[in-house]
Protein backbone atom coordinates (compact mmCIF):
# COMPACT_ATOMS: atom_id res chain seq x y z
CA MET A 1 32.07 -0.40 -2.51
CA THR A 2 28.45 -1.24 -2.86
CA ASP A 3 27.43 -2.75 -6.75
CA SER A 4 25.01 -0.34 -8.32
CA ILE A 5 22.65 -3.33 -9.08
CA THR A 6 21.98 -3.85 -5.60
CA GLY A 7 19.69 -1.16 -5.28
CA PHE A 8 17.64 -2.69 -7.66
CA PHE A 9 17.01 -6.17 -5.85
CA ASP A 10 13.81 -7.08 -4.10
CA SER A 11 15.41 -10.29 -2.59
CA THR A 12 12.36 -12.69 -2.53
CA TYR A 13 11.31 -15.64 -0.32
CA LEU A 14 7.93 -16.38 -0.60
CA LYS A 15 7.85 -20.39 -0.21
CA THR A 16 5.61 -21.84 2.55
CA SER A 17 6.74 -24.94 4.80
CA GLU A 18 4.33 -26.75 3.50
CA GLN A 19 5.03 -26.40 -0.33
CA GLN A 20 8.61 -27.18 0.81
CA GLN A 21 7.43 -30.24 3.04
CA ILE A 22 9.63 -28.81 5.67
CA SER A 23 8.72 -27.69 9.38
CA GLU A 24 7.97 -23.95 10.21
CA GLU A 25 10.94 -23.87 12.20
CA GLU A 26 12.98 -24.83 9.23
CA ASN A 27 11.20 -22.31 6.87
CA ILE A 28 11.75 -19.48 9.64
CA ALA A 29 15.49 -20.30 9.48
CA ASN A 30 15.21 -19.87 5.69
CA VAL A 31 13.49 -16.53 5.96
CA THR A 32 16.20 -15.35 8.66
CA SER A 33 18.88 -16.24 6.05
CA VAL A 34 17.40 -14.36 3.33
CA ILE A 35 16.72 -11.14 5.86
CA ASN A 36 20.04 -11.20 6.86
CA GLU A 37 21.46 -11.61 3.22
CA ALA A 38 19.49 -8.61 2.14
CA ILE A 39 20.90 -6.45 5.23
CA ASP A 40 24.47 -7.89 4.69
CA TYR A 41 24.54 -6.80 1.05
CA LYS A 42 22.53 -3.90 1.20
CA PHE A 43 19.67 -5.13 -1.43
CA LYS A 44 16.85 -2.66 -2.09
CA LEU A 45 14.05 -4.50 0.16
CA VAL A 46 13.24 -8.11 0.78
CA MET A 47 9.78 -9.73 0.01
CA ILE A 48 8.46 -12.40 2.42
CA ARG A 49 5.31 -13.56 3.37
CA GLN A 50 3.21 -11.55 5.79
CA SER A 51 3.47 -13.66 8.71
CA TYR A 52 7.26 -13.02 8.71
CA ILE A 53 7.28 -9.22 8.78
CA SER A 54 7.54 -8.79 12.10
CA LEU A 55 10.67 -11.07 12.19
CA ALA A 56 12.08 -9.07 9.27
CA ARG A 57 11.32 -5.56 11.30
CA LYS A 58 12.99 -6.81 14.04
CA LEU A 59 16.10 -7.93 12.29
CA ILE A 60 16.82 -4.82 10.02
CA SER A 61 16.09 -2.75 13.42
CA ALA A 62 18.78 -4.65 15.31
CA LYS A 63 21.27 -4.14 12.55
CA GLU A 64 19.98 -0.11 12.03
CA SER A 65 19.68 -1.26 8.21
CA ASN A 66 17.83 0.56 5.65
CA VAL A 67 16.43 -2.51 3.92
CA LEU A 68 12.82 -2.12 3.21
CA ILE A 69 10.07 -5.01 3.70
CA GLY A 70 7.83 -6.02 1.08
CA THR A 71 4.92 -8.82 1.19
CA VAL A 72 2.17 -9.90 -1.19
CA ILE A 73 -1.50 -9.66 -1.26
CA ASP A 74 -3.77 -12.41 -2.66
CA PHE A 75 -0.93 -14.43 -3.61
CA PRO A 76 -0.70 -16.04 -6.06
CA LEU A 77 -3.53 -16.19 -7.92
CA GLY A 78 -5.14 -12.87 -7.29
CA ASP A 79 -8.73 -13.91 -7.73
CA SER A 80 -10.06 -12.66 -4.20
CA PRO A 81 -12.60 -9.93 -4.23
CA TYR A 82 -11.00 -6.78 -3.82
CA GLN A 83 -12.60 -6.16 -0.39
CA GLN A 84 -10.48 -9.21 1.05
CA LYS A 85 -7.23 -7.58 -0.57
CA LEU A 86 -8.11 -4.43 1.23
CA ASP A 87 -8.03 -6.59 4.51
CA GLU A 88 -4.97 -7.95 3.65
CA ILE A 89 -3.47 -4.63 2.97
CA GLN A 90 -4.24 -2.97 6.20
CA SER A 91 -3.15 -5.98 8.05
CA ALA A 92 0.30 -5.95 6.28
CA ILE A 93 0.23 -1.88 7.11
CA ASN A 94 -0.60 -2.64 10.46
CA LEU A 95 2.61 -5.01 10.77
CA GLY A 96 4.97 -2.34 9.60
CA VAL A 97 5.23 -2.98 5.52
CA ASP A 98 6.94 -0.73 3.49
CA GLU A 99 5.83 -2.05 -0.04
CA ILE A 100 2.86 -4.20 -1.06
CA ASP A 101 2.67 -6.35 -4.20
CA ILE A 102 -0.79 -7.11 -5.08
CA VAL A 103 -2.02 -9.64 -7.53
CA ILE A 104 -4.33 -8.38 -10.00
CA ASN A 105 -7.30 -10.38 -10.69
CA TYR A 106 -5.94 -11.06 -14.06
CA ASN A 107 -8.45 -14.03 -14.91
CA SER A 108 -11.58 -11.40 -14.30
CA PHE A 109 -9.53 -8.97 -16.67
CA ILE A 110 -9.25 -11.53 -19.34
CA LYS A 111 -13.05 -12.18 -19.00
CA GLY A 112 -13.51 -8.34 -19.56
CA ASN A 113 -14.55 -7.10 -16.14
CA ILE A 114 -12.81 -3.81 -16.95
CA SER A 115 -14.91 -2.02 -14.35
CA GLU A 116 -14.26 -4.57 -11.74
CA ILE A 117 -10.67 -4.39 -12.08
CA THR A 118 -10.32 -0.48 -11.98
CA ASP A 119 -12.47 -0.60 -8.93
CA GLU A 120 -9.77 -2.89 -7.33
CA VAL A 121 -6.74 -0.97 -8.59
CA LEU A 122 -8.36 2.35 -7.38
CA GLN A 123 -9.43 0.99 -3.93
CA CYS A 124 -6.43 -1.29 -3.32
CA THR A 125 -3.75 1.74 -4.42
CA SER A 126 -5.62 4.24 -2.53
CA LEU A 127 -5.28 2.40 0.67
CA CYS A 128 -1.38 1.88 -0.08
CA LEU A 129 -0.64 5.72 -0.92
CA LYS A 130 -2.90 7.08 1.96
CA ASN A 131 -0.52 5.20 4.57
CA GLY A 132 2.58 6.07 2.71
CA LYS A 133 3.20 2.51 1.01
CA ILE A 134 4.49 1.65 -2.27
CA ALA A 135 2.00 -0.29 -4.47
CA LYS A 136 3.25 -2.77 -6.97
CA TRP A 137 0.37 -4.21 -9.33
CA ILE A 138 1.45 -7.94 -10.09
CA ILE A 139 -0.18 -8.67 -13.71
CA GLU A 140 0.94 -12.17 -14.41
CA SER A 141 2.04 -11.36 -17.81
CA ALA A 142 2.61 -15.06 -18.81
CA ALA A 143 -0.99 -15.59 -18.54
CA LEU A 144 -1.67 -12.53 -21.10
CA THR A 145 -1.67 -11.86 -24.73
CA LYS A 146 0.65 -8.90 -25.99
CA ASP A 147 -2.63 -6.87 -26.14
CA GLU A 148 -3.76 -7.87 -22.87
CA ILE A 149 -0.25 -6.69 -21.48
CA SER A 150 -0.67 -3.53 -23.14
CA SER A 151 -4.15 -3.04 -21.88
CA ILE A 152 -3.95 -3.88 -18.28
CA CYS A 153 -0.76 -1.74 -18.00
CA SER A 154 -2.64 1.28 -19.70
CA LEU A 155 -5.59 0.61 -16.96
CA ILE A 156 -3.50 0.60 -14.05
CA LYS A 157 -1.38 3.70 -15.24
CA ASN A 158 -4.59 5.47 -16.40
CA THR A 159 -6.47 4.85 -13.20
CA VAL A 160 -3.40 6.17 -10.95
CA ILE A 161 -3.13 9.26 -12.92
CA GLU A 162 -6.52 10.05 -12.85
CA ASN A 163 -7.22 9.86 -9.32
CA PHE A 164 -3.58 10.70 -7.67
CA SER A 165 -1.46 13.23 -8.08
CA THR A 166 1.21 12.61 -10.92
CA GLN A 167 4.00 12.86 -8.01
CA LYS A 168 2.30 9.71 -6.75
CA ALA A 169 3.18 7.50 -10.06
CA ASN A 170 6.66 6.79 -8.89
CA ASP A 171 4.96 5.03 -5.87
CA VAL A 172 2.84 2.72 -8.12
CA PHE A 173 4.64 -0.28 -10.01
CA VAL A 174 3.49 -2.77 -12.51
CA LYS A 175 5.12 -5.79 -12.09
CA SER A 176 5.44 -8.74 -14.42
CA SER A 177 5.03 -11.96 -12.40
CA THR A 178 4.10 -14.18 -9.28
CA GLY A 179 6.75 -16.86 -10.00
CA PHE A 180 4.26 -19.34 -9.40
CA PHE A 181 2.53 -19.38 -12.70
CA LYS A 182 2.73 -22.67 -14.76
CA THR A 183 2.31 -22.18 -18.54
CA ILE A 184 0.76 -25.07 -20.58
CA ASP A 185 3.35 -25.08 -23.24
CA GLY A 186 6.29 -24.83 -21.11
CA SER A 187 6.75 -21.05 -22.49
CA PRO A 188 8.81 -18.61 -19.77
CA SER A 189 6.36 -17.87 -16.91
CA GLY A 190 8.31 -15.18 -15.68
CA ALA A 191 9.70 -11.67 -17.11
CA THR A 192 10.58 -11.62 -20.70
CA ALA A 193 12.41 -9.24 -22.84
CA GLU A 194 9.11 -8.71 -25.19
CA GLY A 195 6.80 -8.34 -22.20
CA ILE A 196 8.74 -6.06 -20.28
CA GLU A 197 9.03 -3.95 -23.32
CA ILE A 198 5.59 -3.77 -23.58
CA MET A 199 4.91 -3.08 -19.92
CA VAL A 200 7.40 -0.19 -19.94
CA LYS A 201 6.00 1.36 -22.86
CA TYR A 202 1.96 1.07 -21.65
CA SER A 203 2.77 1.62 -17.93
CA PHE A 204 5.02 5.25 -18.07
CA PRO A 205 5.38 7.13 -16.10
CA LEU A 206 4.58 4.45 -13.76
CA PRO A 207 7.84 2.13 -13.06
CA VAL A 208 7.99 -1.56 -13.77
CA LYS A 209 9.30 -4.30 -11.93
CA ALA A 210 10.54 -7.56 -13.51
CA SER A 211 10.26 -10.68 -11.37
CA GLY A 212 10.49 -14.34 -12.27
CA GLY A 213 13.10 -16.14 -14.41
CA ILE A 214 16.05 -13.66 -13.70
CA ARG A 215 18.72 -16.23 -13.21
CA ASN A 216 22.22 -14.26 -13.97
CA ARG A 217 23.72 -10.96 -14.43
CA GLU A 218 23.01 -10.94 -18.19
CA ASP A 219 19.17 -11.35 -17.56
CA ALA A 220 19.51 -8.58 -14.89
CA ASN A 221 21.34 -6.25 -16.87
CA ARG A 222 18.93 -6.73 -20.02
CA MET A 223 16.06 -5.60 -17.77
CA ILE A 224 17.56 -2.80 -16.24
CA ASN A 225 18.62 -1.55 -19.52
CA LEU A 226 14.80 -2.04 -20.99
CA GLY A 227 13.98 0.23 -18.30
CA VAL A 228 12.99 -1.61 -15.04
CA LYS A 229 13.28 -0.09 -11.68
CA ARG A 230 13.30 -3.15 -9.49
CA LEU A 231 14.55 -6.82 -9.75
CA GLY A 232 12.10 -9.62 -8.06
CA THR A 233 14.24 -12.80 -7.52
CA SER A 234 14.62 -15.34 -5.04
CA SER A 235 18.80 -15.49 -6.31
CA ALA A 236 19.94 -11.90 -5.85
CA LEU A 237 23.10 -13.15 -3.96
CA LYS A 238 23.82 -15.54 -6.64
CA ILE A 239 23.33 -12.73 -9.47
CA LEU A 240 25.50 -10.39 -7.64
CA LYS A 241 28.27 -12.83 -7.88
CA GLY A 242 28.08 -13.51 -11.20
CA LEU A 243 26.70 -17.08 -10.67
CA GLU A 244 24.05 -19.08 -12.67
CA SER A 245 20.51 -19.59 -10.87
CA ASN A 246 18.00 -22.42 -11.91
CA SER A 247 15.13 -20.72 -9.98
CA ASP A 248 11.95 -19.60 -11.69
CA TYR A 249 11.71 -16.77 -9.46
């Protein structure tokens, strides 16, 4: 019997070989392990770097699995021009990705460049939806104030609702965090109950994905009870088994 929580998991591995100071061969082995784990435990999705999409597709197809493949765009800073994001999205689509997590240019949003961010959300979401892909907008909530979180969620929601059919709302998520942001004061850099409550309220009817800092089953259940539809974590198996993770993502 499959545990009901498995359908929430976007099992995540986004570290590069350079970040871990290991060889690319070793990193491919790590990615392969994460993909096979997602297949074996029937997680919803495996979230990987774009360069590993073809590997994931091969492994998933060989086992006739329903696990979806996700990747990240303009990760982790989100500060590239949206035209570059469009190129990355198209490349991922060409490789056969199912879902696309895009880091919004949150620093530009903080500076008040609302028109620029609206265009980014519109153009990138449009490219995803017209190709039948799920889009998830990473807002990096730890970099934002409470008011900024509510405002950026409202911007994304309104852009989607005003430009696409309401039926498409379920295909565009708002996601809390990259897992790579470092706070100055040591406060949590991932999903928090307070931040998620704001996101769920102001993103509705768009679904919300909590990511970063989900370390155990209690954390996962808390996020689900707050209304999130996906959990982004590099510790999905530990959480499933009732263990504690020390990972920030």
